[in-house]
Protein backbone atom coordinates (compact mmCIF):
# COMPACT_ATOMS: atom_id res chain seq x y z
CA UNK A 1 108.73 112.25 130.37
CA UNK A 2 108.79 108.98 128.43
CA UNK A 3 111.73 110.12 126.28
CA UNK A 4 113.82 110.81 129.38
CA UNK A 5 113.03 107.32 130.67
CA UNK A 6 114.17 105.84 127.37
CA UNK A 7 117.38 107.86 127.57
CA UNK A 8 118.05 106.63 131.08
CA UNK A 9 117.52 102.99 130.09
CA UNK A 10 119.81 103.36 127.09
CA UNK A 11 122.61 105.04 129.05
CA UNK A 12 122.39 102.36 131.70
CA UNK A 13 122.62 99.63 129.06
CA UNK A 14 125.58 101.38 127.42
CA UNK A 15 127.41 101.61 130.74
CA UNK A 16 126.85 97.89 131.41
CA UNK A 17 127.60 96.90 127.77
CA UNK A 18 124.15 95.33 127.49
CA UNK A 19 121.84 95.21 124.48
CA UNK A 20 118.25 96.39 124.21
CA UNK A 21 115.60 95.15 121.80
CA UNK A 22 113.10 97.84 120.85
CA UNK A 23 109.52 96.57 120.85
CA UNK A 24 106.04 98.02 120.48
CA UNK A 25 103.11 96.15 118.90
CA UNK A 26 105.20 93.00 118.30
CA UNK A 27 103.41 92.31 115.00
CA UNK A 28 106.60 92.04 112.93
CA UNK A 29 108.73 90.12 115.42
CA UNK A 30 109.11 87.28 112.90
CA UNK A 31 110.94 89.50 110.39
CA UNK A 32 114.75 89.52 110.38
CA UNK A 33 117.25 87.45 112.27
CA UNK A 34 116.24 86.35 115.78
CA UNK A 35 117.37 89.24 118.00
CA UNK A 36 119.86 88.61 120.77
CA UNK A 37 119.27 91.12 123.57
CA UNK A 38 119.55 91.31 127.35
CA UNK A 39 116.20 93.07 127.75
CA UNK A 40 113.30 94.73 125.92
CA UNK A 41 112.69 98.46 125.61
CA UNK A 42 108.91 98.76 125.24
CA UNK A 43 107.92 102.04 123.51
CA UNK A 44 104.13 101.61 123.36
CA UNK A 45 103.46 104.26 126.01
CA UNK A 46 105.10 106.92 123.87
CA UNK A 47 101.98 107.36 121.79
CA UNK A 48 99.85 110.04 120.18
CA UNK A 49 99.57 112.26 117.12
CA UNK A 50 101.66 115.36 117.79
CA UNK A 51 100.38 117.45 114.89
CA UNK A 52 98.31 117.03 111.76
CA UNK A 53 97.90 119.63 109.03
CA UNK A 54 95.56 118.22 106.36
CA UNK A 55 96.07 121.24 104.11
CA UNK A 56 99.85 120.72 104.28
CA UNK A 57 99.61 116.94 103.74
CA UNK A 58 101.80 116.14 106.73
CA UNK A 59 101.27 114.33 110.03
CA UNK A 60 103.64 113.88 112.97
CA UNK A 61 103.15 110.97 115.38
CA UNK A 62 105.03 109.29 118.22
CA UNK A 63 106.49 105.84 117.79
CA UNK A 64 103.95 103.97 119.94
CA UNK A 65 100.93 105.40 118.11
CA UNK A 66 98.74 102.52 116.84
CA UNK A 67 98.80 102.45 113.05
CA UNK A 68 95.04 101.89 112.98
CA UNK A 69 94.50 105.10 114.96
CA UNK A 70 96.64 107.11 112.57
CA UNK A 71 94.99 105.71 109.43
CA UNK A 72 91.51 106.32 110.87
CA UNK A 73 92.42 109.94 111.60
CA UNK A 74 93.68 110.43 108.06
CA UNK A 75 90.60 108.77 106.53
CA UNK A 76 88.35 111.26 108.35
CA UNK A 77 90.04 113.96 106.27
CA UNK A 78 89.95 111.95 103.05
CA UNK A 79 93.68 111.24 103.23
CA UNK A 80 95.90 108.18 103.61
CA UNK A 81 99.36 106.68 103.84
CA UNK A 82 99.65 106.04 100.12
CA UNK A 83 102.28 103.28 100.47
CA UNK A 84 99.76 101.07 102.32
CA UNK A 85 101.95 99.73 105.14
CA UNK A 86 101.03 96.20 106.25
CA UNK A 87 99.92 95.83 109.86
CA UNK A 88 100.17 92.06 110.41
CA UNK A 89 98.09 92.58 113.55
CA UNK A 90 95.84 95.09 115.31
CA UNK A 91 98.64 96.31 117.59
CA UNK A 92 100.94 97.55 114.81
CA UNK A 93 102.52 100.94 115.54
CA UNK A 94 103.98 103.87 113.63
CA UNK A 95 107.47 103.14 114.96
CA UNK A 96 107.29 99.52 113.86
CA UNK A 97 106.10 100.63 110.44
CA UNK A 98 109.18 102.80 109.99
CA UNK A 99 111.60 100.30 111.52
CA UNK A 100 110.39 97.43 109.31
CA UNK A 101 110.21 99.60 106.19
CA UNK A 102 107.56 97.40 104.56
CA UNK A 103 105.02 98.71 102.04
CA UNK A 104 101.89 97.32 100.43
CA UNK A 105 100.50 96.81 96.91
CA UNK A 106 100.95 100.40 95.68
CA UNK A 107 104.68 100.54 96.52
CA UNK A 108 105.84 100.43 92.88
CA UNK A 109 103.73 103.43 91.94
CA UNK A 110 103.88 105.74 94.97
CA UNK A 111 107.15 104.76 96.67
CA UNK A 112 107.96 103.09 99.95
CA UNK A 113 108.10 104.14 103.60
CA UNK A 114 111.35 106.06 103.23
CA UNK A 115 109.89 108.10 100.36
CA UNK A 116 107.21 109.44 102.70
CA UNK A 117 109.34 110.14 105.76
CA UNK A 118 109.95 113.88 106.04
CA UNK A 119 111.69 113.98 109.41
CA UNK A 120 112.29 112.05 112.59
CA UNK A 121 113.39 112.35 116.18
CA UNK A 122 115.41 109.51 117.68
CA UNK A 123 117.57 108.50 120.63
CA UNK A 124 120.95 107.07 119.73
CA UNK A 125 123.05 104.53 121.58
CA UNK A 126 124.55 107.25 123.79
CA UNK A 127 121.11 108.28 125.04
CA UNK A 128 121.21 111.51 123.01
CA UNK A 129 118.02 112.90 121.47
CA UNK A 130 118.59 113.77 117.81
CA UNK A 131 116.37 115.45 115.20
CA UNK A 132 116.66 114.98 111.44
CA UNK A 133 114.68 116.45 108.56
CA UNK A 134 111.48 118.35 109.22
CA UNK A 135 107.91 118.65 108.00
CA UNK A 136 108.49 119.76 104.41
CA UNK A 137 109.75 117.95 101.31
CA UNK A 138 112.48 120.48 100.46
CA UNK A 139 114.61 120.11 103.56
CA UNK A 140 118.32 120.10 102.74
CA UNK A 141 119.81 120.65 106.19
CA UNK A 142 122.47 117.98 106.56
CA UNK A 143 122.29 114.29 105.64
CA UNK A 144 118.90 112.72 104.98
CA UNK A 145 119.21 110.45 108.02
CA UNK A 146 115.47 110.28 108.65
CA UNK A 147 115.03 108.09 105.58
CA UNK A 148 117.90 105.82 106.59
CA UNK A 149 115.85 104.91 109.65
CA UNK A 150 113.20 103.30 107.43
CA UNK A 151 114.00 99.60 107.42
CA UNK A 152 116.77 99.91 110.03
CA UNK A 153 115.02 97.29 112.22
CA UNK A 154 115.80 99.14 115.44
CA UNK A 155 119.57 98.75 114.98
CA UNK A 156 120.40 102.49 114.91
CA UNK A 157 118.32 103.76 117.82
CA UNK A 158 114.81 104.47 119.06
CA UNK A 159 112.68 106.42 116.58
CA UNK A 160 110.59 108.43 119.04
CA UNK A 161 108.69 110.62 116.57
CA UNK A 162 108.24 110.74 112.81
CA UNK A 163 106.74 113.21 110.32
CA UNK A 164 105.11 111.63 107.29
CA UNK A 165 103.86 112.90 103.97
CA UNK A 166 100.22 111.92 103.43
CA UNK A 167 98.14 112.04 100.25
CA UNK A 168 94.46 112.49 99.36
CA UNK A 169 92.49 109.33 98.76
CA UNK A 170 91.91 108.73 95.06
CA UNK A 171 88.51 109.95 93.84
CA UNK A 172 87.97 106.82 91.73
CA UNK A 173 89.20 103.24 91.68
CA UNK A 174 88.76 100.12 89.56
CA UNK A 175 90.29 96.64 89.53
CA UNK A 176 90.61 94.52 86.40
CA UNK A 177 91.05 90.74 86.41
CA UNK A 178 93.06 89.66 83.38
CA UNK A 179 93.62 86.03 82.45
CA UNK A 180 97.25 85.98 81.25
CA UNK A 181 100.18 83.73 82.03
CA UNK A 182 103.06 85.17 84.04
CA UNK A 183 105.26 86.06 81.06
CA UNK A 184 102.35 87.76 79.27
CA UNK A 185 101.35 89.59 82.42
CA UNK A 186 104.85 90.97 83.01
CA UNK A 187 105.19 92.11 79.40
CA UNK A 188 101.79 93.80 79.44
CA UNK A 189 102.51 95.53 82.74
CA UNK A 190 105.69 96.97 81.19
CA UNK A 191 103.67 98.29 78.24
CA UNK A 192 101.03 99.82 80.47
CA UNK A 193 103.71 101.34 82.67
CA UNK A 194 105.01 103.30 79.70
CA UNK A 195 101.58 104.78 78.98
CA UNK A 196 99.59 107.55 80.61
CA UNK A 197 97.38 105.23 82.65
CA UNK A 198 96.31 105.59 86.32
CA UNK A 199 98.05 102.31 87.18
CA UNK A 200 98.36 101.94 90.96
CA UNK A 201 98.99 98.28 91.86
CA UNK A 202 99.19 94.82 90.35
CA UNK A 203 99.29 91.21 91.53
CA UNK A 204 99.68 87.99 89.55
CA UNK A 205 99.23 84.40 90.67
CA UNK A 206 98.11 81.02 89.50
CA UNK A 207 94.84 80.64 91.38
CA UNK A 208 94.83 76.98 92.42
CA UNK A 209 91.63 77.52 94.42
CA UNK A 210 89.59 77.89 91.23
CA UNK A 211 88.60 74.88 89.15
CA UNK A 212 90.50 74.53 86.94
CA UNK A 213 93.52 76.50 88.22
CA UNK A 214 93.70 79.86 86.44
CA UNK A 215 96.42 82.42 85.79
CA UNK A 216 95.13 85.77 87.03
CA UNK A 217 96.60 89.27 86.80
CA UNK A 218 94.86 91.81 89.03
CA UNK A 219 95.43 95.44 88.12
CA UNK A 220 94.22 98.33 90.26
CA UNK A 221 93.62 101.77 88.78
CA UNK A 222 93.33 104.89 90.91
CA UNK A 223 92.91 108.52 89.97
CA UNK A 224 90.42 110.93 88.44
CA UNK A 225 87.11 109.28 87.57
CA UNK A 226 87.42 110.20 83.89
CA UNK A 227 90.92 108.73 83.67
CA UNK A 228 89.91 105.46 85.38
CA UNK A 229 86.79 105.02 83.25
CA UNK A 230 88.69 105.72 80.04
CA UNK A 231 91.49 103.31 80.92
CA UNK A 232 89.35 100.25 81.69
CA UNK A 233 88.02 99.43 78.21
CA UNK A 234 91.37 100.27 76.66
CA UNK A 235 93.19 97.84 78.95
CA UNK A 236 90.58 95.12 78.45
CA UNK A 237 91.14 95.45 74.70
CA UNK A 238 94.91 95.12 75.21
CA UNK A 239 94.39 91.83 77.06
CA UNK A 240 92.03 90.52 74.40
CA UNK A 241 94.62 91.33 71.73
CA UNK A 242 96.94 88.86 73.49
CA UNK A 243 94.28 86.16 73.40
CA UNK A 244 93.30 86.58 77.03
CA UNK A 245 90.11 87.73 78.73
CA UNK A 246 89.51 90.49 81.25
CA UNK A 247 86.68 91.89 83.31
CA UNK A 248 86.14 94.51 85.98
CA UNK A 249 85.72 93.41 89.60
CA UNK A 250 83.18 94.63 92.08
CA UNK A 251 84.95 97.40 94.02
CA UNK A 252 83.94 96.13 97.46
CA UNK A 253 85.27 92.63 96.76
CA UNK A 254 88.40 94.03 95.16
CA UNK A 255 89.09 96.21 98.22
CA UNK A 256 88.88 93.14 100.46
CA UNK A 257 91.24 91.22 98.20
CA UNK A 258 93.84 94.01 98.06
CA UNK A 259 93.65 94.32 101.83
CA UNK A 260 94.17 90.57 102.17
CA UNK A 261 97.20 90.79 99.89
CA UNK A 262 98.61 93.64 101.95
CA UNK A 263 98.13 91.72 105.23
CA UNK A 264 99.14 88.36 103.74
CA UNK A 265 95.84 86.69 104.58
CA UNK A 266 95.19 85.49 101.03
CA UNK A 267 95.15 81.68 100.66
CA UNK A 268 98.54 81.88 98.89
CA UNK A 269 100.17 83.03 102.14
CA UNK A 270 99.14 79.91 104.02
CA UNK A 271 102.09 77.52 103.98
CA UNK A 272 101.31 74.57 101.67
CA UNK A 273 103.56 72.35 103.83
CA UNK A 274 104.78 72.77 107.43
CA UNK A 275 108.49 72.75 106.52
CA UNK A 276 108.37 75.54 103.93
CA UNK A 277 109.59 79.13 104.29
CA UNK A 278 108.05 82.22 102.72
CA UNK A 279 110.65 83.89 100.52
CA UNK A 280 110.58 87.51 99.40
CA UNK A 281 112.44 88.23 96.16
CA UNK A 282 113.08 91.89 95.35
CA UNK A 283 113.90 92.26 91.66
CA UNK A 284 113.91 94.85 88.89
CA UNK A 285 110.44 95.11 87.37
CA UNK A 286 111.94 94.07 84.03
CA UNK A 287 113.22 90.75 85.39
CA UNK A 288 111.82 87.79 83.42
CA UNK A 289 109.95 84.79 84.83
CA UNK A 290 112.40 83.05 87.16
CA UNK A 291 113.42 79.46 86.46
CA UNK A 292 112.42 78.06 89.86
CA UNK A 293 110.03 75.15 90.53
CA UNK A 294 107.77 77.02 92.95
CA UNK A 295 104.44 78.80 92.63
CA UNK A 296 104.82 82.58 92.91
CA UNK A 297 102.76 85.61 93.84
CA UNK A 298 104.00 88.63 91.89
CA UNK A 299 103.50 92.22 93.05
CA UNK A 300 104.82 95.69 92.23
CA UNK A 301 104.59 95.16 88.44
CA UNK A 302 107.16 92.35 88.71
CA UNK A 303 109.39 93.98 91.32
CA UNK A 304 108.34 91.75 94.24
CA UNK A 305 107.88 87.99 94.05
CA UNK A 306 106.77 85.76 96.91
CA UNK A 307 107.14 81.99 96.97
CA UNK A 308 107.12 79.06 99.37
CA UNK A 309 110.27 76.94 99.33
CA UNK A 310 112.38 74.99 101.84
CA UNK A 311 115.31 76.66 103.57
CA UNK A 312 117.58 74.33 101.60
CA UNK A 313 116.62 76.23 98.43
CA UNK A 314 118.34 79.39 99.71
CA UNK A 315 121.37 79.17 97.44
CA UNK A 316 119.33 78.47 94.32
CA UNK A 317 116.87 81.29 95.03
CA UNK A 318 119.59 83.78 95.86
CA UNK A 319 121.57 82.91 92.77
CA UNK A 320 118.45 83.33 90.61
CA UNK A 321 117.60 86.66 92.25
CA UNK A 322 121.19 87.90 91.96
CA UNK A 323 121.36 86.93 88.29
CA UNK A 324 118.21 89.01 87.71
CA UNK A 325 119.70 92.00 89.56
CA UNK A 326 117.95 91.55 92.91
CA UNK A 327 118.10 89.67 96.21
CA UNK A 328 116.13 87.09 98.19
CA UNK A 329 115.01 87.37 101.83
CA UNK A 330 113.73 84.57 104.03
CA UNK A 331 110.63 86.42 105.21
CA UNK A 332 108.85 83.83 107.38
CA UNK A 333 110.26 80.66 108.91
CA UNK A 334 108.23 77.51 109.66
CA UNK A 335 106.55 77.83 113.06
CA UNK A 336 108.78 76.52 115.84
CA UNK A 337 111.55 75.46 113.45
CA UNK A 338 115.22 76.36 113.60
CA UNK A 339 116.53 77.56 110.23
CA UNK A 340 120.28 77.76 109.73
CA UNK A 341 120.40 79.86 106.55
CA UNK A 342 120.77 83.67 106.82
CA UNK A 343 117.55 85.66 106.55
CA UNK A 344 119.08 88.31 104.30
CA UNK A 345 121.27 87.91 101.23
CA UNK A 346 124.91 88.38 102.25
CA UNK A 347 126.23 91.90 101.71
CA UNK A 348 129.42 92.62 99.83
CA UNK A 349 132.50 93.57 101.85
CA UNK A 350 131.98 97.24 100.99
CA UNK A 351 128.30 97.16 101.98
CA UNK A 352 129.13 95.41 105.26
CA UNK A 353 131.75 98.00 106.08
CA UNK A 354 129.33 100.85 105.39
CA UNK A 355 126.61 99.22 107.49
CA UNK A 356 128.91 98.53 110.42
CA UNK A 357 130.32 102.06 110.36
CA UNK A 358 126.82 103.54 110.21
CA UNK A 359 125.75 101.47 113.22
CA UNK A 360 128.92 102.44 115.08
CA UNK A 361 128.31 106.15 114.51
CA UNK A 362 124.80 105.94 115.93
CA UNK A 363 125.51 103.28 118.55
CA UNK A 364 129.22 103.07 119.48
CA UNK A 365 128.59 100.77 122.46
CA UNK A 366 126.39 98.33 120.54
CA UNK A 367 123.28 98.87 122.69
CA UNK A 368 121.01 98.13 119.72
CA UNK A 369 123.28 95.65 117.98
CA UNK A 370 120.92 92.70 118.44
CA UNK A 371 122.00 91.07 115.19
CA UNK A 372 118.57 91.50 113.66
CA UNK A 373 120.03 92.72 110.37
CA UNK A 374 122.46 89.80 110.32
CA UNK A 375 125.49 92.02 110.97
């Protein structure tokens, strides 16, 4: 019944040439350009797990399903969403997870949201219910539209239902703390990445909350117990060969720290000054240390770098990211402040044309064209 109500609202908006902003848990409202819409389409009531086959490693849930509910259900079967989606609040939903397309610490090793989406049902801007993909990995019927929906920010339509690949929880885990500077840490991560090690996640920062401030590389290993136990002393020796030190963390404390990194509740993610923005730089893992005068938090083996800088630094940051083969996104603005720079790096003319045409095919009347993607 809820789907038919959504369709009715969308058709009415299309007829009146009005825009709708899709909303559920509202935990990622800060991300993207400020949406410009006539009204809100709240999808929270369309909730519930439709099917779950632990032996098949697949779960299907409606868009309004609380993310906490889904992850609790999976944990009861010893399974998980391996890409560790951030919640940013207790009301986060499955639909918001897909729409935002954000992943946590293990993204570099296991893939992102789109890599785990098997299929989806959605309502386009004409009020039509569409189905893409399915519940198996080898589904080659038509274009892989279901994965395009990941990160679409609600600009293509309402994702009403999604099927996700899930994975067993790792039988063993360990976190190493390695005292290396950023350049050393990046080089060592590249070496480890080329070896048969159960590397799962990494994070580097200059810990200014310790006295004195210390460069710390955190490396998480996950896999078979024998593989994890064999890797730890070997990796500690590698760090010592560089003149650094390393030790193994208590697992309970490490789990809390990784969770805090995923949810951005670590001290680093507290703005050091009220006028600073949180920038998200997506780069190749092989990119060197960037020549920017800001403290950074490095994830994904060098592929994701966070930093606090004023909005006026946009051009410098984007030029540095582009030169390294990546792009820079203004992830969080100062509270209550108006920021004039674009949230996302400008697309090329070809990319803009593709994006606009894609949106037009799904939403010819612009019902969902709230400007959230900056187009």
